[in-house]
Amino acid sequence: MMFIPKLDVTVSVQISAKVHASESSSKVSKAIENVSGGVKPIKVEEDGFIIFSYDSEVALHNLFRKIRERRVIAVARRLLLKGVVGDTTTIMINKQVAFSGGIVLCEEEDESPLGPIYVKIESSNISKVVDWLAGSDDLKGRKE
């Protein structure tokens, strides 16, 4: 089991995806659950979108592991930094791959045929969260 360091800042996480007419809402929910590693959400809202909300970085632990297992730390860091707006950052994950338990980051929405899963992270210290999730220290010794 991979060691995941504690994040010592408050974070809230929202993982959401649009449910298209051709999709099963239970399968979209399963894809979102796979992104969070099965962590139970605070609330689930449905209005054409399924939105799971969490009040802890525990919802990011699976993403933390998958980023390292797939060796995409540099890509994840770039996308996390690109997505920063104020105290939040948002990244996109391929919905079909997430349904099967994997994580593939998307740079554009159309990389996931039925739309991506959005992972929105909010914290008063968003740069610390980005460093924790895909830190530059994890890149030392690697060629970019």
C-alpha atoms as a PDB file:
ATOM      1  CA  MET A   1       0.000   0.000   0.000  1.00  0.00           C
ATOM      2  CA  MET A   2       1.341   3.406  -0.969  1.00  0.00           C
ATOM      3  CA  PHE A   3       2.041   5.909   1.805  1.00  0.00           C
ATOM      4  CA  ILE A   4      -0.025   9.058   1.363  1.00  0.00           C
ATOM      5  CA  PRO A   5       1.161  12.032   3.422  1.00  0.00           C
ATOM      6  CA  LYS A   6      -1.390  14.024   5.395  1.00  0.00           C
ATOM      7  CA  LEU A   7      -2.459  17.303   3.836  1.00  0.00           C
ATOM      8  CA  ASP A   8      -2.470  19.911   6.595  1.00  0.00           C
ATOM      9  CA  VAL A   9      -4.826  22.400   4.935  1.00  0.00           C
ATOM     10  CA  THR A  10      -8.598  22.315   4.683  1.00  0.00           C
ATOM     11  CA  VAL A  11      -9.881  21.125   1.343  1.00  0.00           C
ATOM     12  CA  SER A  12     -13.258  20.492  -0.221  1.00  0.00           C
ATOM     13  CA  VAL A  13     -13.666  18.329  -3.287  1.00  0.00           C
ATOM     14  CA  GLN A  14     -16.506  18.151  -5.776  1.00  0.00           C
ATOM     15  CA  ILE A  15     -16.518  15.370  -8.362  1.00  0.00           C
ATOM     16  CA  SER A  16     -19.193  15.690 -11.021  1.00  0.00           C
ATOM     17  CA  ALA A  17     -20.266  14.515 -14.444  1.00  0.00           C
ATOM     18  CA  LYS A  18     -23.101  15.167 -16.857  1.00  0.00           C
ATOM     19  CA  VAL A  19     -25.441  12.240 -17.454  1.00  0.00           C
ATOM     20  CA  HIS A  20     -26.289  11.979 -21.153  1.00  0.00           C
ATOM     21  CA  ALA A  21     -29.566  10.423 -22.335  1.00  0.00           C
ATOM     22  CA  SER A  22     -27.672   7.371 -23.607  1.00  0.00           C
ATOM     23  CA  GLU A  23     -26.005   6.794 -20.215  1.00  0.00           C
ATOM     24  CA  SER A  24     -27.110   5.060 -17.054  1.00  0.00           C
ATOM     25  CA  SER A  25     -26.964   7.389 -14.034  1.00  0.00           C
ATOM     26  CA  SER A  26     -25.838   4.437 -11.891  1.00  0.00           C
ATOM     27  CA  LYS A  27     -22.863   3.853 -14.213  1.00  0.00           C
ATOM     28  CA  VAL A  28     -21.917   7.543 -14.095  1.00  0.00           C
ATOM     29  CA  SER A  29     -22.181   7.407 -10.282  1.00  0.00           C
ATOM     30  CA  LYS A  30     -19.938   4.322 -10.295  1.00  0.00           C
ATOM     31  CA  ALA A  31     -17.346   6.146 -12.424  1.00  0.00           C
ATOM     32  CA  ILE A  32     -17.347   9.046  -9.933  1.00  0.00           C
ATOM     33  CA  GLU A  33     -17.062   6.623  -7.001  1.00  0.00           C
ATOM     34  CA  ASN A  34     -14.059   5.026  -8.717  1.00  0.00           C
ATOM     35  CA  VAL A  35     -12.331   8.422  -8.965  1.00  0.00           C
ATOM     36  CA  SER A  36     -12.809   8.990  -5.225  1.00  0.00           C
ATOM     37  CA  GLY A  37     -11.800   5.427  -4.400  1.00  0.00           C
ATOM     38  CA  GLY A  38     -15.250   4.645  -3.019  1.00  0.00           C
ATOM     39  CA  VAL A  39     -15.192   7.377  -0.369  1.00  0.00           C
ATOM     40  CA  LYS A  40     -18.803   8.208   0.492  1.00  0.00           C
ATOM     41  CA  PRO A  41     -19.906  11.715  -0.501  1.00  0.00           C
ATOM     42  CA  ILE A  42     -21.472  14.344   1.738  1.00  0.00           C
ATOM     43  CA  LYS A  43     -24.279  14.916  -0.740  1.00  0.00           C
ATOM     44  CA  VAL A  44     -25.397  13.738  -4.117  1.00  0.00           C
ATOM     45  CA  GLU A  45     -27.363  16.086  -6.370  1.00  0.00           C
ATOM     46  CA  GLU A  46     -28.910  15.108  -9.671  1.00  0.00           C
ATOM     47  CA  ASP A  47     -30.155  17.619 -12.243  1.00  0.00           C
ATOM     48  CA  GLY A  48     -28.665  16.388 -15.485  1.00  0.00           C
ATOM     49  CA  PHE A  49     -25.427  16.205 -13.495  1.00  0.00           C
ATOM     50  CA  ILE A  50     -24.330  13.901 -10.715  1.00  0.00           C
ATOM     51  CA  ILE A  51     -22.350  15.814  -8.113  1.00  0.00           C
ATOM     52  CA  PHE A  52     -20.542  14.207  -5.193  1.00  0.00           C
ATOM     53  CA  SER A  53     -19.108  16.551  -2.547  1.00  0.00           C
ATOM     54  CA  TYR A  54     -16.453  15.759   0.046  1.00  0.00           C
ATOM     55  CA  ASP A  55     -14.918  17.768   2.894  1.00  0.00           C
ATOM     56  CA  SER A  56     -11.554  16.022   3.066  1.00  0.00           C
ATOM     57  CA  GLU A  57      -8.519  15.184   0.963  1.00  0.00           C
ATOM     58  CA  VAL A  58      -9.381  11.502   1.498  1.00  0.00           C
ATOM     59  CA  ALA A  59     -11.506  11.814  -1.665  1.00  0.00           C
ATOM     60  CA  LEU A  60      -8.247  12.604  -3.513  1.00  0.00           C
ATOM     61  CA  HIS A  61      -6.223   9.641  -2.178  1.00  0.00           C
ATOM     62  CA  ASN A  62      -7.133   7.386  -5.112  1.00  0.00           C
ATOM     63  CA  LEU A  63      -6.193  10.128  -7.582  1.00  0.00           C
ATOM     64  CA  PHE A  64      -2.919  10.649  -5.637  1.00  0.00           C
ATOM     65  CA  ARG A  65      -2.108   6.917  -6.043  1.00  0.00           C
ATOM     66  CA  LYS A  66      -3.161   6.647  -9.689  1.00  0.00           C
ATOM     67  CA  ILE A  67      -1.135   9.704 -10.731  1.00  0.00           C
ATOM     68  CA  ARG A  68       1.976   8.012  -9.339  1.00  0.00           C
ATOM     69  CA  GLU A  69       1.152   4.505 -10.587  1.00  0.00           C
ATOM     70  CA  ARG A  70       0.635   5.812 -14.132  1.00  0.00           C
ATOM     71  CA  ARG A  71       3.683   8.095 -13.833  1.00  0.00           C
ATOM     72  CA  VAL A  72       1.803  11.170 -15.007  1.00  0.00           C
ATOM     73  CA  ILE A  73       2.832  13.535 -12.206  1.00  0.00           C
ATOM     74  CA  ALA A  74       4.194  16.184 -14.597  1.00  0.00           C
ATOM     75  CA  VAL A  75       1.016  16.147 -16.701  1.00  0.00           C
ATOM     76  CA  ALA A  76      -1.195  16.210 -13.602  1.00  0.00           C
ATOM     77  CA  ARG A  77       0.765  19.124 -12.151  1.00  0.00           C
ATOM     78  CA  ARG A  78       0.537  21.088 -15.393  1.00  0.00           C
ATOM     79  CA  LEU A  79      -3.226  20.521 -15.658  1.00  0.00           C
ATOM     80  CA  LEU A  80      -3.815  21.309 -11.975  1.00  0.00           C
ATOM     81  CA  LEU A  81      -1.870  24.582 -12.300  1.00  0.00           C
ATOM     82  CA  LYS A  82      -3.626  25.417 -15.580  1.00  0.00           C
ATOM     83  CA  GLY A  83      -6.992  24.923 -13.851  1.00  0.00           C
ATOM     84  CA  VAL A  84      -6.328  27.284 -10.930  1.00  0.00           C
ATOM     85  CA  VAL A  85      -8.844  30.103 -10.566  1.00  0.00           C
ATOM     86  CA  GLY A  86      -8.670  31.867  -7.211  1.00  0.00           C
ATOM     87  CA  ASP A  87      -8.903  29.256  -4.441  1.00  0.00           C
ATOM     88  CA  THR A  88      -9.931  26.395  -6.747  1.00  0.00           C
ATOM     89  CA  THR A  89      -8.519  24.149  -9.419  1.00  0.00           C
ATOM     90  CA  THR A  90     -10.381  21.819 -11.737  1.00  0.00           C
ATOM     91  CA  ILE A  91      -9.132  18.869 -13.746  1.00  0.00           C
ATOM     92  CA  MET A  92     -10.972  16.528 -16.099  1.00  0.00           C
ATOM     93  CA  ILE A  93     -10.883  12.735 -16.136  1.00  0.00           C
ATOM     94  CA  ASN A  94     -12.064  10.384 -18.880  1.00  0.00           C
ATOM     95  CA  LYS A  95     -15.450   9.040 -17.746  1.00  0.00           C
ATOM     96  CA  GLN A  96     -15.283   5.673 -19.547  1.00  0.00           C
ATOM     97  CA  VAL A  97     -11.834   4.874 -18.166  1.00  0.00           C
ATOM     98  CA  ALA A  98     -12.967   5.911 -14.667  1.00  0.00           C
ATOM     99  CA  PHE A  99     -15.907   3.510 -14.905  1.00  0.00           C
ATOM    100  CA  SER A 100     -13.443   0.639 -15.370  1.00  0.00           C
ATOM    101  CA  GLY A 101     -11.346   1.826 -12.402  1.00  0.00           C
ATOM    102  CA  GLY A 102      -8.607   3.710 -14.227  1.00  0.00           C
ATOM    103  CA  ILE A 103      -7.624   7.355 -14.348  1.00  0.00           C
ATOM    104  CA  VAL A 104      -6.828   9.160 -17.596  1.00  0.00           C
ATOM    105  CA  LEU A 105      -6.509  12.935 -17.397  1.00  0.00           C
ATOM    106  CA  CYS A 106      -8.092  15.001 -20.176  1.00  0.00           C
ATOM    107  CA  GLU A 107      -6.773  18.289 -21.496  1.00  0.00           C
ATOM    108  CA  GLU A 108      -9.951  18.974 -23.496  1.00  0.00           C
ATOM    109  CA  GLU A 109     -13.574  18.039 -22.762  1.00  0.00           C
ATOM    110  CA  ASP A 110     -13.973  16.177 -26.060  1.00  0.00           C
ATOM    111  CA  GLU A 111     -11.217  13.695 -25.156  1.00  0.00           C
ATOM    112  CA  SER A 112     -13.924  11.818 -23.251  1.00  0.00           C
ATOM    113  CA  PRO A 113     -16.660  10.956 -25.802  1.00  0.00           C
ATOM    114  CA  LEU A 114     -19.588  11.370 -23.378  1.00  0.00           C
ATOM    115  CA  GLY A 115     -17.937  14.221 -21.530  1.00  0.00           C
ATOM    116  CA  PRO A 116     -15.401  14.115 -18.710  1.00  0.00           C
ATOM    117  CA  ILE A 117     -15.658  13.801 -14.976  1.00  0.00           C
ATOM    118  CA  TYR A 118     -14.771  17.134 -13.369  1.00  0.00           C
ATOM    119  CA  VAL A 119     -12.721  17.159 -10.174  1.00  0.00           C
ATOM    120  CA  LYS A 120     -12.955  20.573  -8.522  1.00  0.00           C
ATOM    121  CA  ILE A 121     -10.697  21.157  -5.526  1.00  0.00           C
ATOM    122  CA  GLU A 122     -11.102  24.173  -3.265  1.00  0.00           C
ATOM    123  CA  SER A 123      -8.733  25.339  -0.524  1.00  0.00           C
ATOM    124  CA  SER A 124      -7.479  28.599   0.940  1.00  0.00           C
ATOM    125  CA  ASN A 125      -3.992  27.287   0.058  1.00  0.00           C
ATOM    126  CA  ILE A 126      -4.583  25.750  -3.367  1.00  0.00           C
ATOM    127  CA  SER A 127      -0.865  25.809  -4.265  1.00  0.00           C
ATOM    128  CA  LYS A 128      -0.135  23.563  -1.271  1.00  0.00           C
ATOM    129  CA  VAL A 129      -2.844  21.157  -2.424  1.00  0.00           C
ATOM    130  CA  VAL A 130      -1.373  21.065  -5.950  1.00  0.00           C
ATOM    131  CA  ASP A 131       2.094  20.440  -4.467  1.00  0.00           C
ATOM    132  CA  TRP A 132       0.678  17.615  -2.317  1.00  0.00           C
ATOM    133  CA  LEU A 133      -1.240  15.964  -5.160  1.00  0.00           C
ATOM    134  CA  ALA A 134       1.395  16.380  -7.899  1.00  0.00           C
ATOM    135  CA  GLY A 135       4.377  18.040  -6.291  1.00  0.00           C
ATOM    136  CA  SER A 136       7.513  19.140  -8.041  1.00  0.00           C
ATOM    137  CA  ASP A 137       9.491  17.155  -5.425  1.00  0.00           C
ATOM    138  CA  ASP A 138       7.994  14.000  -6.946  1.00  0.00           C
ATOM    139  CA  LEU A 139       9.539  14.977 -10.298  1.00  0.00           C
ATOM    140  CA  LYS A 140      13.154  15.270  -9.089  1.00  0.00           C
ATOM    141  CA  GLY A 141      15.457  12.958 -10.941  1.00  0.00           C
ATOM    142  CA  ARG A 142      13.037  12.497 -13.830  1.00  0.00           C
ATOM    143  CA  LYS A 143      13.523  13.793 -17.321  1.00  0.00           C
ATOM    144  CA  GLU A 144      10.649  15.942 -18.553  1.00  0.00           C
END
